Amino acid sequence: MAKAMRTQNYVTPSADGIAAAARAASGQGLPPVERWNPPFCGDLDMRIARDGTWFYLGTPIGRFELVKLFSSILRKDGDKYFLVTPVEMVGITVEDVPFVAIDFEAEGEGSTQVLTFQTHVGDFAVAGREHPIRVVRDPETGEPAPYILVRRNLEALIDRKSFYRLVELGAHHDHDGARWFGLWSSGEFFPMIPSEELEV
């Protein structure tokens, strides 16, 4: 089920208009969207698929620079996602989470290990207290889906190839009174799977 679904009340503002306003507001670094409080103008026919592909009017947005620009003005309030500029705010649909972590680098070992993730839009996040990793299990298959907090309250789904690599770096550790298999990064342990499930 897609998140941020609303009554189909698509608005007049176009992706080009939003992009122009975003460019005008952009300086160095990410725009301070959490400090902007423009009027809500309704929903834009824009969707982020689970694989990170952005769609506008049902068509994939092929320009990386445009996707990166839109991602820089993305904000999540509650369970809903918005593109926010100083002059307007429009709702968009996000099927799962807005980003996909497509790669990572690991430095160190054990509890001193540091994992740095890269998203498909060029963000970097060092897993730790400020950028925690969480794992959600599919209620039917039990298959784990790992996520990392990238910025503000926006997460990235860690892609399958990266997850398989992460499993090779995992360790068993006591966490909240139980034994878990998980990951160390920046001195924090992130549980993934109960150790007993991995016992032969």
C-alpha atoms as a PDB file:
ATOM      1  CA  MET A   1       0.000   0.000   0.000  1.00  0.00           C
ATOM      2  CA  ALA A   2       1.457   3.343  -0.987  1.00  0.00           C
ATOM      3  CA  LYS A   3       2.133   5.862   1.720  1.00  0.00           C
ATOM      4  CA  ALA A   4       0.832   9.411   1.613  1.00  0.00           C
ATOM      5  CA  MET A   5      -2.136   8.459  -0.537  1.00  0.00           C
ATOM      6  CA  ARG A   6      -4.812  11.126  -0.578  1.00  0.00           C
ATOM      7  CA  THR A   7      -7.997  11.905  -2.431  1.00  0.00           C
ATOM      8  CA  GLN A   8      -7.010  12.593  -6.027  1.00  0.00           C
ATOM      9  CA  ASN A   9      -6.977  16.377  -5.924  1.00  0.00           C
ATOM     10  CA  TYR A  10      -4.084  17.200  -8.215  1.00  0.00           C
ATOM     11  CA  VAL A  11      -3.139  20.828  -8.436  1.00  0.00           C
ATOM     12  CA  THR A  12      -2.084  23.266 -11.105  1.00  0.00           C
ATOM     13  CA  PRO A  13       1.546  23.815  -9.997  1.00  0.00           C
ATOM     14  CA  SER A  14       3.828  21.968 -12.379  1.00  0.00           C
ATOM     15  CA  ALA A  15       7.050  20.127 -11.710  1.00  0.00           C
ATOM     16  CA  ASP A  16       8.812  22.859 -13.689  1.00  0.00           C
ATOM     17  CA  GLY A  17       7.348  25.533 -11.431  1.00  0.00           C
ATOM     18  CA  ILE A  18       8.365  23.681  -8.280  1.00  0.00           C
ATOM     19  CA  ALA A  19      11.852  23.127  -9.702  1.00  0.00           C
ATOM     20  CA  ALA A  20      12.237  26.826 -10.555  1.00  0.00           C
ATOM     21  CA  ALA A  21      11.254  27.842  -7.029  1.00  0.00           C
ATOM     22  CA  ALA A  22      13.608  25.244  -5.560  1.00  0.00           C
ATOM     23  CA  ARG A  23      16.524  26.490  -7.671  1.00  0.00           C
ATOM     24  CA  ALA A  24      15.847  30.068  -6.581  1.00  0.00           C
ATOM     25  CA  ALA A  25      15.877  29.003  -2.928  1.00  0.00           C
ATOM     26  CA  SER A  26      18.918  26.756  -3.164  1.00  0.00           C
ATOM     27  CA  GLY A  27      22.252  27.939  -1.866  1.00  0.00           C
ATOM     28  CA  GLN A  28      25.061  25.893  -0.452  1.00  0.00           C
ATOM     29  CA  GLY A  29      23.920  22.616   1.051  1.00  0.00           C
ATOM     30  CA  LEU A  30      20.340  21.476   1.531  1.00  0.00           C
ATOM     31  CA  PRO A  31      17.524  24.048   1.603  1.00  0.00           C
ATOM     32  CA  PRO A  32      16.087  24.578   5.117  1.00  0.00           C
ATOM     33  CA  VAL A  33      12.688  23.096   4.239  1.00  0.00           C
ATOM     34  CA  GLU A  34      11.922  22.379   7.899  1.00  0.00           C
ATOM     35  CA  ARG A  35      11.852  26.149   8.514  1.00  0.00           C
ATOM     36  CA  TRP A  36       9.603  27.005   5.583  1.00  0.00           C
ATOM     37  CA  ASN A  37       5.852  27.243   6.147  1.00  0.00           C
ATOM     38  CA  PRO A  38       4.277  28.102   2.790  1.00  0.00           C
ATOM     39  CA  PRO A  39       0.605  27.458   2.011  1.00  0.00           C
ATOM     40  CA  PHE A  40      -0.386  23.917   1.050  1.00  0.00           C
ATOM     41  CA  CYS A  41      -1.463  23.902  -2.596  1.00  0.00           C
ATOM     42  CA  GLY A  42      -2.759  20.333  -2.884  1.00  0.00           C
ATOM     43  CA  ASP A  43      -1.259  17.170  -4.358  1.00  0.00           C
ATOM     44  CA  LEU A  44       1.070  17.006  -7.331  1.00  0.00           C
ATOM     45  CA  ASP A  45       0.842  13.978  -9.633  1.00  0.00           C
ATOM     46  CA  MET A  46       4.293  12.828  -8.598  1.00  0.00           C
ATOM     47  CA  ARG A  47       5.275   9.449  -7.160  1.00  0.00           C
ATOM     48  CA  ILE A  48       8.437   7.826  -5.826  1.00  0.00           C
ATOM     49  CA  ALA A  49       8.423   4.073  -6.464  1.00  0.00           C
ATOM     50  CA  ARG A  50       9.943   1.589  -4.024  1.00  0.00           C
ATOM     51  CA  ASP A  51      13.028   1.260  -6.237  1.00  0.00           C
ATOM     52  CA  GLY A  52      13.650   5.019  -5.957  1.00  0.00           C
ATOM     53  CA  THR A  53      12.343   5.974  -9.424  1.00  0.00           C
ATOM     54  CA  TRP A  54      10.545   9.320  -9.508  1.00  0.00           C
ATOM     55  CA  PHE A  55       7.468   9.615 -11.737  1.00  0.00           C
ATOM     56  CA  TYR A  56       5.691  12.774 -12.884  1.00  0.00           C
ATOM     57  CA  LEU A  57       2.327  12.474 -14.640  1.00  0.00           C
ATOM     58  CA  GLY A  58       2.978   8.717 -14.835  1.00  0.00           C
ATOM     59  CA  THR A  59       6.306   9.080 -16.666  1.00  0.00           C
ATOM     60  CA  PRO A  60       9.718   8.400 -15.085  1.00  0.00           C
ATOM     61  CA  ILE A  61      11.824  11.523 -14.565  1.00  0.00           C
ATOM     62  CA  GLY A  62      14.976  10.731 -16.505  1.00  0.00           C
ATOM     63  CA  ARG A  63      17.142  13.701 -15.534  1.00  0.00           C
ATOM     64  CA  PHE A  64      19.252  12.928 -12.474  1.00  0.00           C
ATOM     65  CA  GLU A  65      19.800  16.631 -11.755  1.00  0.00           C
ATOM     66  CA  LEU A  66      16.047  17.209 -11.567  1.00  0.00           C
ATOM     67  CA  VAL A  67      15.465  14.212  -9.291  1.00  0.00           C
ATOM     68  CA  LYS A  68      18.305  15.404  -7.041  1.00  0.00           C
ATOM     69  CA  LEU A  69      16.783  18.887  -6.916  1.00  0.00           C
ATOM     70  CA  PHE A  70      13.351  17.547  -5.980  1.00  0.00           C
ATOM     71  CA  SER A  71      14.877  15.277  -3.347  1.00  0.00           C
ATOM     72  CA  SER A  72      16.552  18.292  -1.740  1.00  0.00           C
ATOM     73  CA  ILE A  73      13.180  19.958  -1.027  1.00  0.00           C
ATOM     74  CA  LEU A  74      11.434  16.805   0.185  1.00  0.00           C
ATOM     75  CA  ARG A  75       9.882  16.901   3.641  1.00  0.00           C
ATOM     76  CA  LYS A  76       7.952  14.345   5.661  1.00  0.00           C
ATOM     77  CA  ASP A  77       5.294  15.512   8.106  1.00  0.00           C
ATOM     78  CA  GLY A  78       3.702  12.608   9.939  1.00  0.00           C
ATOM     79  CA  ASP A  79       3.121   9.906   7.331  1.00  0.00           C
ATOM     80  CA  LYS A  80       2.842  12.337   4.418  1.00  0.00           C
ATOM     81  CA  TYR A  81       5.483  13.613   2.021  1.00  0.00           C
ATOM     82  CA  PHE A  82       5.713  17.078   0.502  1.00  0.00           C
ATOM     83  CA  LEU A  83       7.857  19.116  -1.848  1.00  0.00           C
ATOM     84  CA  VAL A  84       8.401  22.428  -0.090  1.00  0.00           C
ATOM     85  CA  THR A  85       9.644  25.763  -1.414  1.00  0.00           C
ATOM     86  CA  PRO A  86       9.447  29.184   0.237  1.00  0.00           C
ATOM     87  CA  VAL A  87       6.242  29.923  -1.695  1.00  0.00           C
ATOM     88  CA  GLU A  88       4.310  26.656  -1.933  1.00  0.00           C
ATOM     89  CA  MET A  89       3.992  23.124  -0.584  1.00  0.00           C
ATOM     90  CA  VAL A  90       2.572  20.211  -2.572  1.00  0.00           C
ATOM     91  CA  GLY A  91       1.936  16.617  -1.571  1.00  0.00           C
ATOM     92  CA  ILE A  92       3.453  13.671  -3.410  1.00  0.00           C
ATOM     93  CA  THR A  93       3.076   9.898  -3.123  1.00  0.00           C
ATOM     94  CA  VAL A  94       5.889   7.719  -1.759  1.00  0.00           C
ATOM     95  CA  GLU A  95       5.384   3.960  -2.091  1.00  0.00           C
ATOM     96  CA  ASP A  96       7.833   2.997   0.669  1.00  0.00           C
ATOM     97  CA  VAL A  97      10.596   5.444   1.578  1.00  0.00           C
ATOM     98  CA  PRO A  98      12.006   8.149  -0.718  1.00  0.00           C
ATOM     99  CA  PHE A  99      15.602   6.975  -1.051  1.00  0.00           C
ATOM    100  CA  VAL A 100      17.528   3.823  -1.895  1.00  0.00           C
ATOM    101  CA  ALA A 101      20.985   3.150  -0.461  1.00  0.00           C
ATOM    102  CA  ILE A 102      22.862   1.715  -3.429  1.00  0.00           C
ATOM    103  CA  ASP A 103      26.321   1.266  -1.916  1.00  0.00           C
ATOM    104  CA  PHE A 104      28.363   1.577   1.259  1.00  0.00           C
ATOM    105  CA  GLU A 105      31.930   1.602   2.513  1.00  0.00           C
ATOM    106  CA  ALA A 106      33.119  -0.088   5.695  1.00  0.00           C
ATOM    107  CA  GLU A 107      36.102   0.971   7.758  1.00  0.00           C
ATOM    108  CA  GLY A 108      37.427  -0.770  10.854  1.00  0.00           C
ATOM    109  CA  GLU A 109      36.170  -3.957  12.458  1.00  0.00           C
ATOM    110  CA  GLY A 110      33.863  -5.050  15.251  1.00  0.00           C
ATOM    111  CA  SER A 111      32.541  -2.314  17.509  1.00  0.00           C
ATOM    112  CA  THR A 112      34.896   0.235  15.921  1.00  0.00           C
ATOM    113  CA  GLN A 113      33.466  -0.384  12.454  1.00  0.00           C
ATOM    114  CA  VAL A 114      32.056   2.606  10.562  1.00  0.00           C
ATOM    115  CA  LEU A 115      29.554   2.145   7.715  1.00  0.00           C
ATOM    116  CA  THR A 116      29.027   5.000   5.250  1.00  0.00           C
ATOM    117  CA  PHE A 117      26.068   4.658   2.877  1.00  0.00           C
ATOM    118  CA  GLN A 118      25.426   6.395  -0.440  1.00  0.00           C
ATOM    119  CA  THR A 119      21.943   6.919  -1.858  1.00  0.00           C
ATOM    120  CA  HIS A 120      20.802   6.947  -5.462  1.00  0.00           C
ATOM    121  CA  VAL A 121      20.497  10.755  -5.319  1.00  0.00           C
ATOM    122  CA  GLY A 122      24.013  11.318  -3.983  1.00  0.00           C
ATOM    123  CA  ASP A 123      23.372  11.674  -0.244  1.00  0.00           C
ATOM    124  CA  PHE A 124      25.811  10.127   2.233  1.00  0.00           C
ATOM    125  CA  ALA A 125      24.956   8.875   5.714  1.00  0.00           C
ATOM    126  CA  VAL A 126      27.312   7.439   8.328  1.00  0.00           C
ATOM    127  CA  ALA A 127      25.368   4.833  10.281  1.00  0.00           C
ATOM    128  CA  GLY A 128      25.327   5.633  13.984  1.00  0.00           C
ATOM    129  CA  ARG A 129      23.234   7.361  16.629  1.00  0.00           C
ATOM    130  CA  GLU A 130      22.092  10.123  14.255  1.00  0.00           C
ATOM    131  CA  HIS A 131      21.644   7.781  11.285  1.00  0.00           C
ATOM    132  CA  PRO A 132      20.283   4.524  12.717  1.00  0.00           C
ATOM    133  CA  ILE A 133      19.696   1.326  10.760  1.00  0.00           C
ATOM    134  CA  ARG A 134      16.416  -0.518  11.284  1.00  0.00           C
ATOM    135  CA  VAL A 135      15.138  -3.778   9.871  1.00  0.00           C
ATOM    136  CA  VAL A 136      11.494  -4.556   9.105  1.00  0.00           C
ATOM    137  CA  ARG A 137      10.407  -8.163   8.633  1.00  0.00           C
ATOM    138  CA  ASP A 138       7.760  -9.060   6.078  1.00  0.00           C
ATOM    139  CA  PRO A 139       4.851 -10.474   8.136  1.00  0.00           C
ATOM    140  CA  GLU A 140       4.215 -13.249   5.615  1.00  0.00           C
ATOM    141  CA  THR A 141       7.679 -14.289   4.398  1.00  0.00           C
ATOM    142  CA  GLY A 142       9.804 -13.048   7.289  1.00  0.00           C
ATOM    143  CA  GLU A 143      12.198 -11.519   4.766  1.00  0.00           C
ATOM    144  CA  PRO A 144      14.109  -8.576   6.277  1.00  0.00           C
ATOM    145  CA  ALA A 145      14.059  -5.124   4.701  1.00  0.00           C
ATOM    146  CA  PRO A 146      16.803  -2.839   6.068  1.00  0.00           C
ATOM    147  CA  TYR A 147      16.567   0.958   6.186  1.00  0.00           C
ATOM    148  CA  ILE A 148      18.873   3.783   7.221  1.00  0.00           C
ATOM    149  CA  LEU A 149      17.882   7.281   8.270  1.00  0.00           C
ATOM    150  CA  VAL A 150      19.484   9.657   5.763  1.00  0.00           C
ATOM    151  CA  ARG A 151      18.439  13.160   6.785  1.00  0.00           C
ATOM    152  CA  ARG A 152      15.748  14.841   8.780  1.00  0.00           C
ATOM    153  CA  ASN A 153      13.185  12.021   9.042  1.00  0.00           C
ATOM    154  CA  LEU A 154      13.754  10.647   5.541  1.00  0.00           C
ATOM    155  CA  GLU A 155      14.967   7.069   5.136  1.00  0.00           C
ATOM    156  CA  ALA A 156      16.618   4.968   2.463  1.00  0.00           C
ATOM    157  CA  LEU A 157      15.898   1.329   1.711  1.00  0.00           C
ATOM    158  CA  ILE A 158      19.228  -0.513   1.641  1.00  0.00           C
ATOM    159  CA  ASP A 159      19.309  -2.384  -1.666  1.00  0.00           C
ATOM    160  CA  ARG A 160      19.661  -6.145  -1.837  1.00  0.00           C
ATOM    161  CA  LYS A 161      23.273  -6.330  -3.019  1.00  0.00           C
ATOM    162  CA  SER A 162      24.354  -3.995  -0.201  1.00  0.00           C
ATOM    163  CA  PHE A 163      22.362  -5.984   2.336  1.00  0.00           C
ATOM    164  CA  TYR A 164      24.110  -9.210   1.320  1.00  0.00           C
ATOM    165  CA  ARG A 165      27.466  -7.477   1.815  1.00  0.00           C
ATOM    166  CA  LEU A 166      26.336  -6.165   5.192  1.00  0.00           C
ATOM    167  CA  VAL A 167      25.425  -9.659   6.352  1.00  0.00           C
ATOM    168  CA  GLU A 168      29.057 -10.654   5.803  1.00  0.00           C
ATOM    169  CA  LEU A 169      30.060  -7.888   8.252  1.00  0.00           C
ATOM    170  CA  GLY A 170      27.467  -8.819  10.875  1.00  0.00           C
ATOM    171  CA  ALA A 171      28.157 -10.008  14.405  1.00  0.00           C
ATOM    172  CA  HIS A 172      26.255 -11.520  17.326  1.00  0.00           C
ATOM    173  CA  HIS A 173      25.703  -9.278  20.337  1.00  0.00           C
ATOM    174  CA  ASP A 174      23.465  -9.056  23.403  1.00  0.00           C
ATOM    175  CA  HIS A 175      20.864  -6.336  22.883  1.00  0.00           C
ATOM    176  CA  ASP A 176      17.890  -5.496  25.125  1.00  0.00           C
ATOM    177  CA  GLY A 177      18.189  -8.774  26.979  1.00  0.00           C
ATOM    178  CA  ALA A 178      18.398 -10.998  23.906  1.00  0.00           C
ATOM    179  CA  ARG A 179      21.049 -12.282  21.516  1.00  0.00           C
ATOM    180  CA  TRP A 180      20.957 -10.669  18.087  1.00  0.00           C
ATOM    181  CA  PHE A 181      22.799 -10.824  14.808  1.00  0.00           C
ATOM    182  CA  GLY A 182      23.365  -7.284  13.618  1.00  0.00           C
ATOM    183  CA  LEU A 183      25.734  -4.548  12.586  1.00  0.00           C
ATOM    184  CA  TRP A 184      28.165  -2.287  14.376  1.00  0.00           C
ATOM    185  CA  SER A 185      28.752   1.265  13.163  1.00  0.00           C
ATOM    186  CA  SER A 186      30.123   4.297  14.976  1.00  0.00           C
ATOM    187  CA  GLY A 187      29.970   2.476  18.290  1.00  0.00           C
ATOM    188  CA  GLU A 188      26.275   1.589  17.934  1.00  0.00           C
ATOM    189  CA  PHE A 189      24.868  -1.909  17.469  1.00  0.00           C
ATOM    190  CA  PHE A 190      21.886  -2.298  15.138  1.00  0.00           C
ATOM    191  CA  PRO A 191      20.019  -5.627  15.542  1.00  0.00           C
ATOM    192  CA  MET A 192      18.791  -7.349  12.393  1.00  0.00           C
ATOM    193  CA  ILE A 193      17.809 -10.942  13.129  1.00  0.00           C
ATOM    194  CA  PRO A 194      17.524 -12.871  16.427  1.00  0.00           C
ATOM    195  CA  SER A 195      20.578 -15.100  16.736  1.00  0.00           C
ATOM    196  CA  GLU A 196      18.425 -18.147  17.454  1.00  0.00           C
ATOM    197  CA  GLU A 197      16.960 -17.934  13.949  1.00  0.00           C
ATOM    198  CA  LEU A 198      20.426 -18.411  12.495  1.00  0.00           C
ATOM    199  CA  GLU A 199      21.333 -21.412  14.602  1.00  0.00           C
ATOM    200  CA  VAL A 200      21.635 -24.633  12.632  1.00  0.00           C
END
